[in-house]
Amino acid sequence: MHIKELVPGTDDRMFIPGSTGSGKTTLIQKIVIQKHKQEKNTIIIILDTGRQWESQKQTSLRYKKGVPIELTTRTNLKSLSPEWLWVYRPKFPSFTDPFLPKLFQWAYDFKQVCIVVDELRRYSKGQTIIPELGFLITEGRKNHVCLIMGTQRPASIPLIAITESQYFAVFQLLKVGDRQRLGDEVNPEFYIPPPGRHDFKFWKVGMDKAILIRQG
């Protein structure tokens, strides 16, 4: 299955859970790069709490294609161009970063934006999520806001991130409770983990069965 077939649409939500070292972040990066190539009018913003992405400062005279440019709290969001990838590194703890509500509200108002969240637990406390992010998850489709959301512990994040998603790439999850939540709420095939450490099961709404994708 080619990476193009995994990329969510302009108003979709994609959920990618997986334990540490499973390959979750690597897959997210591949999907983001492909989405950036495919969609010339979508502004892609990556929230990077784990410093997984190489980045460029906005003072650079020449930018490298495919390498995100860093956002700061002083960035004029109206100046963002879909030509480049953008990355913001939230202050710790991310749940209280004062810039994030502004960023999420702008994404909704601007339209045609994709927000990438590698670890959703950083932006929620149990079932409580940053209100503006929760609003994007449930209401952002009408304004073509796409969300790509990852987590190591799907049992510990707000349920709406799972139930509002249409695309799923599920890696190995060590905790039974994590697999059970996905099996109960999404697809019974997710009760059983993929066989290989870096393998994952891909399923989107409308498919009869999940597809096992092996990665060596």
N, C-alpha and C. Protein backbone atom coordinates (compact mmCIF):
# COMPACT_ATOMS: atom_id res chain seq x y z
N MET A 1 0.85 -1.19 0.00
CA MET A 1 0.00 0.00 0.00
C MET A 1 0.88 1.24 0.00
N HIS A 2 0.68 2.12 -0.96
CA HIS A 2 1.51 3.32 -1.08
C HIS A 2 1.11 4.35 -0.04
N ILE A 3 2.08 5.16 0.38
CA ILE A 3 1.84 6.17 1.41
C ILE A 3 0.73 7.14 0.98
N LYS A 4 0.56 7.35 -0.33
CA LYS A 4 -0.49 8.24 -0.82
C LYS A 4 -1.88 7.79 -0.36
N GLU A 5 -2.06 6.47 -0.25
CA GLU A 5 -3.36 5.93 0.12
C GLU A 5 -3.67 6.08 1.60
N LEU A 6 -2.67 6.44 2.39
CA LEU A 6 -2.85 6.61 3.84
C LEU A 6 -3.17 8.05 4.22
N VAL A 7 -2.96 8.98 3.30
CA VAL A 7 -3.08 10.40 3.62
C VAL A 7 -4.54 10.80 3.79
N PRO A 8 -4.91 11.39 4.93
CA PRO A 8 -6.29 11.84 5.12
C PRO A 8 -6.61 13.05 4.25
N GLY A 9 -7.89 13.25 3.99
CA GLY A 9 -8.33 14.37 3.16
C GLY A 9 -8.29 15.69 3.89
N THR A 10 -8.71 16.74 3.21
CA THR A 10 -8.59 18.09 3.76
C THR A 10 -9.47 18.34 4.97
N ASP A 11 -10.53 17.54 5.14
CA ASP A 11 -11.39 17.74 6.31
C ASP A 11 -11.53 16.47 7.15
N ASP A 12 -10.52 15.59 7.07
CA ASP A 12 -10.56 14.33 7.82
C ASP A 12 -9.75 14.41 9.10
N ARG A 13 -9.97 13.41 9.97
CA ARG A 13 -9.16 13.22 11.17
C ARG A 13 -8.48 11.86 11.07
N MET A 14 -7.19 11.82 11.37
CA MET A 14 -6.45 10.56 11.37
C MET A 14 -5.90 10.32 12.76
N PHE A 15 -6.05 9.09 13.24
CA PHE A 15 -5.61 8.73 14.59
C PHE A 15 -4.54 7.64 14.48
N ILE A 16 -3.37 7.90 15.06
CA ILE A 16 -2.23 6.99 14.94
C ILE A 16 -1.68 6.67 16.34
N PRO A 17 -2.14 5.60 16.97
CA PRO A 17 -1.61 5.21 18.28
C PRO A 17 -0.50 4.16 18.14
N GLY A 18 0.42 4.20 19.08
CA GLY A 18 1.50 3.21 19.08
C GLY A 18 2.42 3.42 20.26
N SER A 19 2.96 2.35 20.78
CA SER A 19 3.87 2.44 21.92
C SER A 19 5.21 3.03 21.50
N THR A 20 6.04 3.38 22.46
CA THR A 20 7.36 3.96 22.20
C THR A 20 8.19 3.02 21.33
N GLY A 21 8.77 3.56 20.26
CA GLY A 21 9.62 2.76 19.40
C GLY A 21 8.89 1.93 18.36
N SER A 22 7.58 2.09 18.27
CA SER A 22 6.81 1.28 17.33
C SER A 22 6.89 1.79 15.90
N GLY A 23 7.23 3.05 15.71
CA GLY A 23 7.28 3.64 14.38
C GLY A 23 6.20 4.66 14.13
N LYS A 24 5.44 4.99 15.18
CA LYS A 24 4.33 5.94 15.05
C LYS A 24 4.80 7.29 14.51
N THR A 25 5.82 7.87 15.11
CA THR A 25 6.28 9.20 14.70
C THR A 25 6.84 9.18 13.29
N THR A 26 7.54 8.12 12.93
CA THR A 26 8.09 8.00 11.58
C THR A 26 6.97 7.99 10.54
N LEU A 27 5.90 7.26 10.83
CA LEU A 27 4.77 7.22 9.90
C LEU A 27 4.11 8.60 9.80
N ILE A 28 3.93 9.26 10.93
CA ILE A 28 3.34 10.60 10.91
C ILE A 28 4.17 11.52 10.01
N GLN A 29 5.48 11.45 10.14
CA GLN A 29 6.35 12.30 9.33
C GLN A 29 6.18 12.01 7.84
N LYS A 30 6.11 10.74 7.48
CA LYS A 30 5.94 10.36 6.07
C LYS A 30 4.60 10.87 5.52
N ILE A 31 3.56 10.73 6.31
CA ILE A 31 2.23 11.17 5.89
C ILE A 31 2.20 12.69 5.72
N VAL A 32 2.82 13.40 6.65
CA VAL A 32 2.84 14.87 6.56
C VAL A 32 3.59 15.33 5.31
N ILE A 33 4.74 14.74 5.04
CA ILE A 33 5.52 15.12 3.85
C ILE A 33 4.73 14.84 2.58
N GLN A 34 4.06 13.69 2.53
CA GLN A 34 3.26 13.36 1.35
C GLN A 34 2.07 14.31 1.20
N LYS A 35 1.42 14.62 2.31
CA LYS A 35 0.27 15.54 2.26
C LYS A 35 0.71 16.91 1.77
N HIS A 36 1.89 17.33 2.20
CA HIS A 36 2.42 18.62 1.77
C HIS A 36 2.68 18.64 0.27
N LYS A 37 3.11 17.51 -0.28
CA LYS A 37 3.35 17.42 -1.72
C LYS A 37 2.03 17.43 -2.50
N GLN A 38 1.02 16.77 -1.94
CA GLN A 38 -0.25 16.61 -2.65
C GLN A 38 -1.13 17.85 -2.62
N GLU A 39 -1.13 18.55 -1.50
CA GLU A 39 -2.10 19.64 -1.29
C GLU A 39 -1.38 20.99 -1.29
N LYS A 40 -1.46 21.68 -2.37
CA LYS A 40 -0.71 22.93 -2.54
C LYS A 40 -1.35 24.11 -1.80
N ASN A 41 -2.60 23.95 -1.36
CA ASN A 41 -3.29 25.08 -0.72
C ASN A 41 -3.52 24.87 0.79
N THR A 42 -3.00 23.78 1.34
CA THR A 42 -3.21 23.49 2.76
C THR A 42 -2.00 23.93 3.58
N ILE A 43 -2.24 24.72 4.61
CA ILE A 43 -1.17 25.11 5.54
C ILE A 43 -1.06 24.01 6.60
N ILE A 44 0.13 23.43 6.73
CA ILE A 44 0.37 22.33 7.67
C ILE A 44 1.20 22.85 8.84
N ILE A 45 0.66 22.67 10.05
CA ILE A 45 1.35 23.11 11.26
C ILE A 45 1.56 21.90 12.17
N ILE A 46 2.80 21.65 12.54
CA ILE A 46 3.16 20.51 13.39
C ILE A 46 3.41 21.01 14.80
N LEU A 47 2.74 20.40 15.77
CA LEU A 47 3.01 20.69 17.18
C LEU A 47 4.02 19.66 17.66
N ASP A 48 5.22 20.10 17.93
CA ASP A 48 6.33 19.19 18.23
C ASP A 48 6.77 19.34 19.68
N THR A 49 6.25 18.48 20.54
CA THR A 49 6.65 18.53 21.96
C THR A 49 7.87 17.66 22.23
N GLY A 50 8.18 16.72 21.33
CA GLY A 50 9.31 15.81 21.57
C GLY A 50 10.55 16.14 20.78
N ARG A 51 10.55 17.30 20.10
CA ARG A 51 11.67 17.73 19.26
C ARG A 51 12.06 16.62 18.27
N GLN A 52 11.05 16.10 17.58
CA GLN A 52 11.25 15.05 16.60
C GLN A 52 11.51 15.59 15.19
N TRP A 53 11.25 16.88 15.00
CA TRP A 53 11.36 17.47 13.68
C TRP A 53 12.52 18.44 13.60
N GLU A 54 13.34 18.30 12.58
CA GLU A 54 14.33 19.32 12.26
C GLU A 54 13.58 20.57 11.84
N SER A 55 14.13 21.75 12.12
CA SER A 55 13.41 22.97 11.76
C SER A 55 14.37 24.06 11.32
N GLN A 56 13.76 25.11 10.74
CA GLN A 56 14.51 26.26 10.27
C GLN A 56 13.99 27.52 10.96
N LYS A 57 14.88 28.42 11.27
CA LYS A 57 14.48 29.69 11.87
C LYS A 57 13.87 30.60 10.80
N GLN A 58 12.95 31.45 11.21
CA GLN A 58 12.30 32.33 10.25
C GLN A 58 13.24 33.39 9.68
N THR A 59 14.41 33.53 10.27
CA THR A 59 15.37 34.52 9.77
C THR A 59 16.20 33.96 8.62
N SER A 60 16.03 32.67 8.28
CA SER A 60 16.81 32.08 7.19
C SER A 60 16.52 32.82 5.88
N LEU A 61 17.56 33.02 5.09
CA LEU A 61 17.39 33.68 3.80
C LEU A 61 16.88 32.70 2.74
N ARG A 62 17.31 31.45 2.86
CA ARG A 62 16.87 30.42 1.92
C ARG A 62 16.36 29.22 2.72
N TYR A 63 15.12 28.84 2.50
CA TYR A 63 14.53 27.72 3.23
C TYR A 63 14.69 26.43 2.44
N LYS A 64 14.81 25.31 3.17
CA LYS A 64 14.86 23.99 2.54
C LYS A 64 13.43 23.46 2.41
N LYS A 65 13.11 22.93 1.26
CA LYS A 65 11.79 22.33 1.06
C LYS A 65 11.64 21.10 1.96
N GLY A 66 10.47 20.96 2.57
CA GLY A 66 10.20 19.78 3.40
C GLY A 66 10.70 19.86 4.82
N VAL A 67 11.42 20.93 5.16
CA VAL A 67 11.91 21.12 6.52
C VAL A 67 11.08 22.26 7.14
N PRO A 68 10.39 22.01 8.25
CA PRO A 68 9.48 23.03 8.79
C PRO A 68 10.20 24.30 9.26
N ILE A 69 9.51 25.41 9.11
CA ILE A 69 9.97 26.69 9.62
C ILE A 69 9.35 26.90 11.00
N GLU A 70 10.13 27.36 11.95
CA GLU A 70 9.65 27.50 13.33
C GLU A 70 8.70 28.69 13.49
N LEU A 71 7.59 28.42 14.17
CA LEU A 71 6.67 29.47 14.60
C LEU A 71 7.05 29.91 16.00
N THR A 72 6.80 31.16 16.30
CA THR A 72 6.95 31.66 17.67
C THR A 72 5.66 32.38 18.05
N THR A 73 5.56 32.76 19.30
CA THR A 73 4.36 33.47 19.76
C THR A 73 4.24 34.85 19.11
N ARG A 74 5.32 35.31 18.49
CA ARG A 74 5.30 36.63 17.83
C ARG A 74 5.00 36.52 16.33
N THR A 75 4.88 35.29 15.83
CA THR A 75 4.63 35.11 14.39
C THR A 75 3.26 35.65 14.00
N ASN A 76 3.21 36.37 12.93
CA ASN A 76 1.94 36.83 12.36
C ASN A 76 1.33 35.66 11.59
N LEU A 77 0.31 35.04 12.14
CA LEU A 77 -0.26 33.85 11.54
C LEU A 77 -0.84 34.13 10.16
N LYS A 78 -1.26 35.36 9.91
CA LYS A 78 -1.81 35.72 8.61
C LYS A 78 -0.77 35.64 7.51
N SER A 79 0.51 35.59 7.90
CA SER A 79 1.58 35.57 6.91
C SER A 79 1.98 34.15 6.50
N LEU A 80 1.41 33.13 7.12
CA LEU A 80 1.81 31.76 6.82
C LEU A 80 1.42 31.37 5.40
N SER A 81 2.32 30.66 4.75
CA SER A 81 2.10 30.23 3.37
C SER A 81 2.06 28.71 3.29
N PRO A 82 1.17 28.14 2.47
CA PRO A 82 1.15 26.68 2.30
C PRO A 82 2.37 26.14 1.55
N GLU A 83 3.20 27.04 1.06
CA GLU A 83 4.41 26.60 0.36
C GLU A 83 5.36 25.86 1.30
N TRP A 84 5.30 26.20 2.61
CA TRP A 84 6.24 25.65 3.58
C TRP A 84 5.50 24.86 4.66
N LEU A 85 6.21 23.93 5.27
CA LEU A 85 5.73 23.30 6.50
C LEU A 85 6.08 24.23 7.66
N TRP A 86 5.25 24.18 8.72
CA TRP A 86 5.47 25.03 9.90
C TRP A 86 5.46 24.17 11.16
N VAL A 87 6.29 24.54 12.13
CA VAL A 87 6.35 23.77 13.37
C VAL A 87 6.32 24.74 14.56
N TYR A 88 5.53 24.35 15.57
CA TYR A 88 5.50 25.12 16.82
C TYR A 88 5.84 24.18 17.95
N ARG A 89 6.73 24.63 18.85
CA ARG A 89 7.14 23.81 19.99
C ARG A 89 6.51 24.41 21.26
N PRO A 90 5.41 23.82 21.73
CA PRO A 90 4.68 24.39 22.87
C PRO A 90 5.53 24.45 24.13
N LYS A 91 5.22 25.43 24.94
CA LYS A 91 5.86 25.52 26.25
C LYS A 91 5.32 24.41 27.15
N PHE A 92 6.13 23.97 28.10
CA PHE A 92 5.70 22.94 29.04
C PHE A 92 5.04 23.60 30.26
N PRO A 93 3.89 23.07 30.74
CA PRO A 93 3.10 22.00 30.14
C PRO A 93 2.24 22.52 28.99
N SER A 94 2.17 21.72 27.94
CA SER A 94 1.48 22.15 26.72
C SER A 94 0.02 22.52 26.97
N PHE A 95 -0.60 21.86 27.93
CA PHE A 95 -2.03 22.07 28.20
C PHE A 95 -2.32 23.53 28.56
N THR A 96 -1.32 24.22 29.11
CA THR A 96 -1.53 25.61 29.54
C THR A 96 -0.80 26.63 28.67
N ASP A 97 -0.21 26.21 27.56
CA ASP A 97 0.48 27.14 26.69
C ASP A 97 -0.52 28.18 26.16
N PRO A 98 -0.34 29.46 26.45
CA PRO A 98 -1.34 30.48 26.08
C PRO A 98 -1.44 30.74 24.58
N PHE A 99 -0.42 30.34 23.81
CA PHE A 99 -0.45 30.57 22.37
C PHE A 99 -1.33 29.56 21.64
N LEU A 100 -1.50 28.36 22.20
CA LEU A 100 -2.22 27.30 21.50
C LEU A 100 -3.68 27.64 21.22
N PRO A 101 -4.45 28.15 22.19
CA PRO A 101 -5.83 28.52 21.86
C PRO A 101 -5.92 29.51 20.70
N LYS A 102 -5.00 30.46 20.67
CA LYS A 102 -4.97 31.44 19.57
C LYS A 102 -4.70 30.73 18.25
N LEU A 103 -3.76 29.79 18.26
CA LEU A 103 -3.40 29.05 17.05
C LEU A 103 -4.57 28.21 16.54
N PHE A 104 -5.25 27.51 17.46
CA PHE A 104 -6.38 26.67 17.07
C PHE A 104 -7.54 27.51 16.55
N GLN A 105 -7.80 28.64 17.18
CA GLN A 105 -8.86 29.52 16.71
C GLN A 105 -8.55 30.08 15.32
N TRP A 106 -7.28 30.45 15.11
CA TRP A 106 -6.88 30.93 13.79
C TRP A 106 -7.08 29.86 12.73
N ALA A 107 -6.71 28.60 13.05
CA ALA A 107 -6.85 27.51 12.09
C ALA A 107 -8.31 27.35 11.66
N TYR A 108 -9.22 27.47 12.61
CA TYR A 108 -10.65 27.35 12.29
C TYR A 108 -11.12 28.51 11.43
N ASP A 109 -10.69 29.70 11.76
CA ASP A 109 -11.13 30.88 11.02
C ASP A 109 -10.51 30.97 9.63
N PHE A 110 -9.25 30.53 9.52
CA PHE A 110 -8.54 30.65 8.24
C PHE A 110 -9.06 29.65 7.21
N LYS A 111 -9.32 28.42 7.66
CA LYS A 111 -9.76 27.32 6.80
C LYS A 111 -8.58 26.75 6.00
N GLN A 112 -8.74 25.50 5.55
CA GLN A 112 -7.72 24.79 4.76
C GLN A 112 -6.39 24.72 5.53
N VAL A 113 -6.46 24.17 6.75
CA VAL A 113 -5.29 24.01 7.61
C VAL A 113 -5.24 22.56 8.09
N CYS A 114 -4.05 22.03 8.25
CA CYS A 114 -3.87 20.71 8.87
C CYS A 114 -3.01 20.87 10.11
N ILE A 115 -3.53 20.40 11.25
CA ILE A 115 -2.79 20.43 12.52
C ILE A 115 -2.31 19.02 12.82
N VAL A 116 -1.02 18.90 13.12
CA VAL A 116 -0.41 17.60 13.42
C VAL A 116 -0.01 17.57 14.89
N VAL A 117 -0.56 16.60 15.62
CA VAL A 117 -0.32 16.47 17.05
C VAL A 117 0.27 15.09 17.30
N ASP A 118 1.56 15.02 17.64
CA ASP A 118 2.21 13.72 17.79
C ASP A 118 1.82 13.02 19.09
N GLU A 119 1.63 13.76 20.17
CA GLU A 119 1.24 13.15 21.45
C GLU A 119 0.09 13.93 22.06
N LEU A 120 -1.10 13.42 21.84
CA LEU A 120 -2.31 14.14 22.23
C LEU A 120 -2.43 14.31 23.73
N ARG A 121 -1.80 13.44 24.51
CA ARG A 121 -1.92 13.55 25.97
C ARG A 121 -1.34 14.87 26.49
N ARG A 122 -0.43 15.47 25.73
CA ARG A 122 0.18 16.74 26.16
C ARG A 122 -0.83 17.89 26.12
N TYR A 123 -1.93 17.69 25.41
CA TYR A 123 -2.90 18.76 25.21
C TYR A 123 -4.24 18.46 25.90
N SER A 124 -4.21 17.47 26.78
CA SER A 124 -5.42 17.08 27.49
C SER A 124 -5.07 16.58 28.88
N LYS A 125 -6.10 16.56 29.74
CA LYS A 125 -5.99 15.97 31.07
C LYS A 125 -7.16 15.02 31.22
N GLY A 126 -6.89 13.73 31.04
CA GLY A 126 -7.98 12.77 31.04
C GLY A 126 -8.91 13.07 29.88
N GLN A 127 -10.18 13.25 30.18
CA GLN A 127 -11.16 13.54 29.13
C GLN A 127 -11.31 15.04 28.85
N THR A 128 -10.51 15.87 29.54
CA THR A 128 -10.56 17.32 29.32
C THR A 128 -9.47 17.72 28.35
N ILE A 129 -9.88 18.38 27.28
CA ILE A 129 -8.92 18.80 26.24
C ILE A 129 -8.96 20.31 26.13
N ILE A 130 -7.89 20.92 25.61
CA ILE A 130 -7.92 22.35 25.35
C ILE A 130 -9.19 22.65 24.54
N PRO A 131 -10.06 23.53 25.03
CA PRO A 131 -11.38 23.70 24.38
C PRO A 131 -11.31 24.00 22.90
N GLU A 132 -10.37 24.84 22.49
CA GLU A 132 -10.27 25.20 21.07
C GLU A 132 -9.84 24.01 20.22
N LEU A 133 -9.01 23.12 20.79
CA LEU A 133 -8.62 21.92 20.06
C LEU A 133 -9.80 20.95 19.97
N GLY A 134 -10.54 20.81 21.06
CA GLY A 134 -11.74 19.98 21.03
C GLY A 134 -12.74 20.47 19.99
N PHE A 135 -12.86 21.79 19.87
CA PHE A 135 -13.77 22.37 18.89
C PHE A 135 -13.31 22.05 17.47
N LEU A 136 -11.99 22.12 17.24
CA LEU A 136 -11.47 21.76 15.92
C LEU A 136 -11.78 20.31 15.58
N ILE A 137 -11.63 19.42 16.56
CA ILE A 137 -11.88 18.00 16.31
C ILE A 137 -13.33 17.76 15.92
N THR A 138 -14.25 18.41 16.62
CA THR A 138 -15.67 18.14 16.38
C THR A 138 -16.29 19.01 15.30
N GLU A 139 -15.80 20.25 15.12
CA GLU A 139 -16.46 21.19 14.22
C GLU A 139 -15.58 21.67 13.06
N GLY A 140 -14.33 21.29 13.04
CA GLY A 140 -13.42 21.85 12.05
C GLY A 140 -13.64 21.39 10.62
N ARG A 141 -14.37 20.29 10.44
CA ARG A 141 -14.56 19.78 9.08
C ARG A 141 -15.19 20.82 8.16
N LYS A 142 -16.17 21.55 8.68
CA LYS A 142 -16.89 22.51 7.83
C LYS A 142 -15.96 23.58 7.28
N ASN A 143 -14.82 23.79 7.94
CA ASN A 143 -13.84 24.78 7.47
C ASN A 143 -12.58 24.11 6.91
N HIS A 144 -12.71 22.83 6.57
CA HIS A 144 -11.60 22.07 5.96
C HIS A 144 -10.35 22.07 6.84
N VAL A 145 -10.55 21.82 8.12
CA VAL A 145 -9.42 21.66 9.04
C VAL A 145 -9.18 20.16 9.23
N CYS A 146 -8.02 19.71 8.84
CA CYS A 146 -7.61 18.31 8.99
C CYS A 146 -6.79 18.18 10.27
N LEU A 147 -6.92 17.03 10.95
CA LEU A 147 -6.11 16.75 12.14
C LEU A 147 -5.47 15.38 12.01
N ILE A 148 -4.18 15.32 12.28
CA ILE A 148 -3.44 14.06 12.35
C ILE A 148 -2.95 13.95 13.79
N MET A 149 -3.49 12.96 14.53
CA MET A 149 -3.27 12.89 15.98
C MET A 149 -2.64 11.55 16.36
N GLY A 150 -1.58 11.61 17.13
CA GLY A 150 -0.92 10.40 17.60
C GLY A 150 -0.91 10.36 19.12
N THR A 151 -0.75 9.16 19.66
CA THR A 151 -0.60 9.00 21.10
C THR A 151 -0.03 7.63 21.42
N GLN A 152 0.64 7.54 22.55
CA GLN A 152 1.12 6.25 23.05
C GLN A 152 0.06 5.54 23.87
N ARG A 153 -0.93 6.28 24.40
CA ARG A 153 -1.92 5.72 25.30
C ARG A 153 -3.33 6.14 24.93
N PRO A 154 -3.94 5.46 23.95
CA PRO A 154 -5.30 5.84 23.53
C PRO A 154 -6.36 5.73 24.63
N ALA A 155 -6.09 4.96 25.68
CA ALA A 155 -7.06 4.87 26.78
C ALA A 155 -7.04 6.11 27.66
N SER A 156 -6.03 6.97 27.47
CA SER A 156 -5.85 8.12 28.36
C SER A 156 -6.11 9.46 27.71
N ILE A 157 -6.75 9.45 26.55
CA ILE A 157 -7.02 10.71 25.85
C ILE A 157 -8.53 10.88 25.66
N PRO A 158 -8.99 12.10 25.35
CA PRO A 158 -10.42 12.31 25.17
C PRO A 158 -11.00 11.43 24.07
N LEU A 159 -12.15 10.86 24.34
CA LEU A 159 -12.77 9.91 23.42
C LEU A 159 -13.07 10.53 22.06
N ILE A 160 -13.36 11.83 22.02
CA ILE A 160 -13.72 12.45 20.74
C ILE A 160 -12.60 12.33 19.71
N ALA A 161 -11.35 12.27 20.14
CA ALA A 161 -10.25 12.14 19.18
C ALA A 161 -10.33 10.81 18.43
N ILE A 162 -10.91 9.81 19.08
CA ILE A 162 -11.06 8.49 18.46
C ILE A 162 -12.35 8.42 17.65
N THR A 163 -13.45 8.81 18.26
CA THR A 163 -14.75 8.63 17.62
C THR A 163 -14.97 9.59 16.45
N GLU A 164 -14.26 10.72 16.42
CA GLU A 164 -14.40 11.67 15.32
C GLU A 164 -13.45 11.39 14.17
N SER A 165 -12.58 10.39 14.32
CA SER A 165 -11.59 10.09 13.28
C SER A 165 -12.16 9.15 12.22
N GLN A 166 -11.64 9.29 11.01
CA GLN A 166 -12.03 8.41 9.90
C GLN A 166 -10.90 7.50 9.45
N TYR A 167 -9.65 7.89 9.73
CA TYR A 167 -8.47 7.11 9.32
C TYR A 167 -7.75 6.63 10.58
N PHE A 168 -7.30 5.37 10.56
CA PHE A 168 -6.61 4.79 11.71
C PHE A 168 -5.39 4.00 11.23
N ALA A 169 -4.25 4.23 11.87
CA ALA A 169 -3.05 3.42 11.67
C ALA A 169 -2.59 2.99 13.06
N VAL A 170 -2.84 1.74 13.41
CA VAL A 170 -2.67 1.27 14.80
C VAL A 170 -1.45 0.36 14.90
N PHE A 171 -0.44 0.83 15.63
CA PHE A 171 0.78 0.06 15.87
C PHE A 171 0.60 -0.80 17.11
N GLN A 172 1.67 -1.46 17.53
CA GLN A 172 1.62 -2.26 18.75
C GLN A 172 1.33 -1.38 19.96
N LEU A 173 0.44 -1.85 20.80
CA LEU A 173 0.10 -1.19 22.05
C LEU A 173 0.25 -2.21 23.16
N LEU A 174 1.12 -1.92 24.14
CA LEU A 174 1.44 -2.91 25.17
C LEU A 174 0.34 -3.07 26.20
N LYS A 175 -0.42 -2.02 26.43
CA LYS A 175 -1.47 -2.06 27.45
C LYS A 175 -2.77 -2.62 26.87
N VAL A 176 -3.33 -3.60 27.57
CA VAL A 176 -4.58 -4.21 27.12
C VAL A 176 -5.69 -3.17 27.03
N GLY A 177 -5.73 -2.24 28.00
CA GLY A 177 -6.76 -1.22 28.02
C GLY A 177 -6.74 -0.33 26.79
N ASP A 178 -5.54 -0.09 26.23
CA ASP A 178 -5.43 0.74 25.02
C ASP A 178 -6.03 0.00 23.83
N ARG A 179 -5.70 -1.28 23.69
CA ARG A 179 -6.25 -2.07 22.57
C ARG A 179 -7.75 -2.24 22.73
N GLN A 180 -8.19 -2.41 23.97
CA GLN A 180 -9.62 -2.61 24.21
C GLN A 180 -10.43 -1.38 23.83
N ARG A 181 -9.90 -0.21 24.13
CA ARG A 181 -10.66 1.00 23.79
C ARG A 181 -10.84 1.14 22.29
N LEU A 182 -9.79 0.84 21.54
CA LEU A 182 -9.89 0.93 20.08
C LEU A 182 -10.79 -0.16 19.52
N GLY A 183 -10.70 -1.36 20.11
CA GLY A 183 -11.57 -2.44 19.67
C GLY A 183 -13.03 -2.17 19.96
N ASP A 184 -13.30 -1.58 21.13
CA ASP A 184 -14.68 -1.28 21.52
C ASP A 184 -15.26 -0.13 20.69
N GLU A 185 -14.47 0.91 20.47
CA GLU A 185 -15.00 2.14 19.88
C GLU A 185 -14.85 2.22 18.36
N VAL A 186 -13.91 1.44 17.80
CA VAL A 186 -13.63 1.62 16.37
C VAL A 186 -13.83 0.34 15.56
N ASN A 187 -12.99 -0.67 15.83
CA ASN A 187 -12.99 -1.89 15.01
C ASN A 187 -12.48 -3.05 15.86
N PRO A 188 -13.22 -4.16 15.95
CA PRO A 188 -12.78 -5.30 16.75
C PRO A 188 -11.43 -5.87 16.35
N GLU A 189 -10.98 -5.59 15.12
CA GLU A 189 -9.67 -6.08 14.68
C GLU A 189 -8.54 -5.46 15.48
N PHE A 190 -8.79 -4.32 16.13
CA PHE A 190 -7.74 -3.65 16.89
C PHE A 190 -7.51 -4.28 18.27
N TYR A 191 -8.36 -5.24 18.66
CA TYR A 191 -8.09 -5.97 19.90
C TYR A 191 -6.77 -6.73 19.81
N ILE A 192 -6.46 -7.21 18.62
CA ILE A 192 -5.27 -8.04 18.40
C ILE A 192 -4.17 -7.18 17.80
N PRO A 193 -3.01 -7.07 18.44
CA PRO A 193 -1.94 -6.20 17.93
C PRO A 193 -1.32 -6.78 16.67
N PRO A 194 -0.72 -5.93 15.82
CA PRO A 194 -0.01 -6.42 14.65
C PRO A 194 1.18 -7.28 15.08
N PRO A 195 1.60 -8.24 14.26
CA PRO A 195 2.63 -9.20 14.69
C PRO A 195 4.03 -8.63 14.88
N GLY A 196 4.46 -7.73 14.00
CA GLY A 196 5.81 -7.20 14.07
C GLY A 196 5.89 -5.90 14.85
N ARG A 197 7.07 -5.60 15.37
CA ARG A 197 7.25 -4.42 16.22
C ARG A 197 6.89 -3.12 15.50
N HIS A 198 7.20 -3.05 14.19
CA HIS A 198 6.95 -1.83 13.43
C HIS A 198 5.79 -1.96 12.45
N ASP A 199 5.08 -3.07 12.52
CA ASP A 199 3.91 -3.25 11.66
C ASP A 199 2.73 -2.44 12.22
N PHE A 200 1.76 -2.16 11.36
CA PHE A 200 0.54 -1.51 11.84
C PHE A 200 -0.65 -1.96 11.02
N LYS A 201 -1.83 -1.79 11.60
CA LYS A 201 -3.08 -2.08 10.92
C LYS A 201 -3.71 -0.77 10.47
N PHE A 202 -4.01 -0.68 9.17
CA PHE A 202 -4.64 0.52 8.64
C PHE A 202 -6.10 0.24 8.32
N TRP A 203 -6.97 1.14 8.75
CA TRP A 203 -8.39 1.03 8.46
C TRP A 203 -8.97 2.43 8.38
N LYS A 204 -9.88 2.63 7.44
CA LYS A 204 -10.62 3.88 7.39
C LYS A 204 -12.10 3.57 7.23
N VAL A 205 -12.91 4.49 7.62
CA VAL A 205 -14.35 4.30 7.57
C VAL A 205 -14.77 3.92 6.15
N GLY A 206 -15.54 2.85 6.04
CA GLY A 206 -15.99 2.37 4.74
C GLY A 206 -15.29 1.12 4.28
N MET A 207 -14.10 0.80 4.87
CA MET A 207 -13.39 -0.42 4.50
C MET A 207 -14.00 -1.62 5.22
N ASP A 208 -14.05 -2.76 4.55
CA ASP A 208 -14.58 -3.98 5.14
C ASP A 208 -13.66 -4.52 6.23
N LYS A 209 -12.36 -4.52 5.95
CA LYS A 209 -11.39 -5.06 6.90
C LYS A 209 -10.18 -4.15 6.97
N ALA A 210 -9.49 -4.23 8.10
CA ALA A 210 -8.23 -3.51 8.24
C ALA A 210 -7.14 -4.19 7.42
N ILE A 211 -6.19 -3.41 6.95
CA ILE A 211 -5.06 -3.92 6.16
C ILE A 211 -3.83 -3.95 7.05
N LEU A 212 -3.17 -5.12 7.11
CA LEU A 212 -1.92 -5.23 7.87
C LEU A 212 -0.78 -4.74 6.98
N ILE A 213 -0.04 -3.76 7.45
CA ILE A 213 1.10 -3.22 6.71
C ILE A 213 2.37 -3.57 7.47
N ARG A 214 3.20 -4.37 6.82
CA ARG A 214 4.44 -4.84 7.44
C ARG A 214 5.59 -3.90 7.06
N GLN A 215 6.41 -3.61 8.06
CA GLN A 215 7.54 -2.70 7.84
C GLN A 215 8.87 -3.33 8.27
N GLY A 216 9.06 -4.59 7.92
CA GLY A 216 10.32 -5.26 8.20
C GLY A 216 10.40 -5.84 9.59
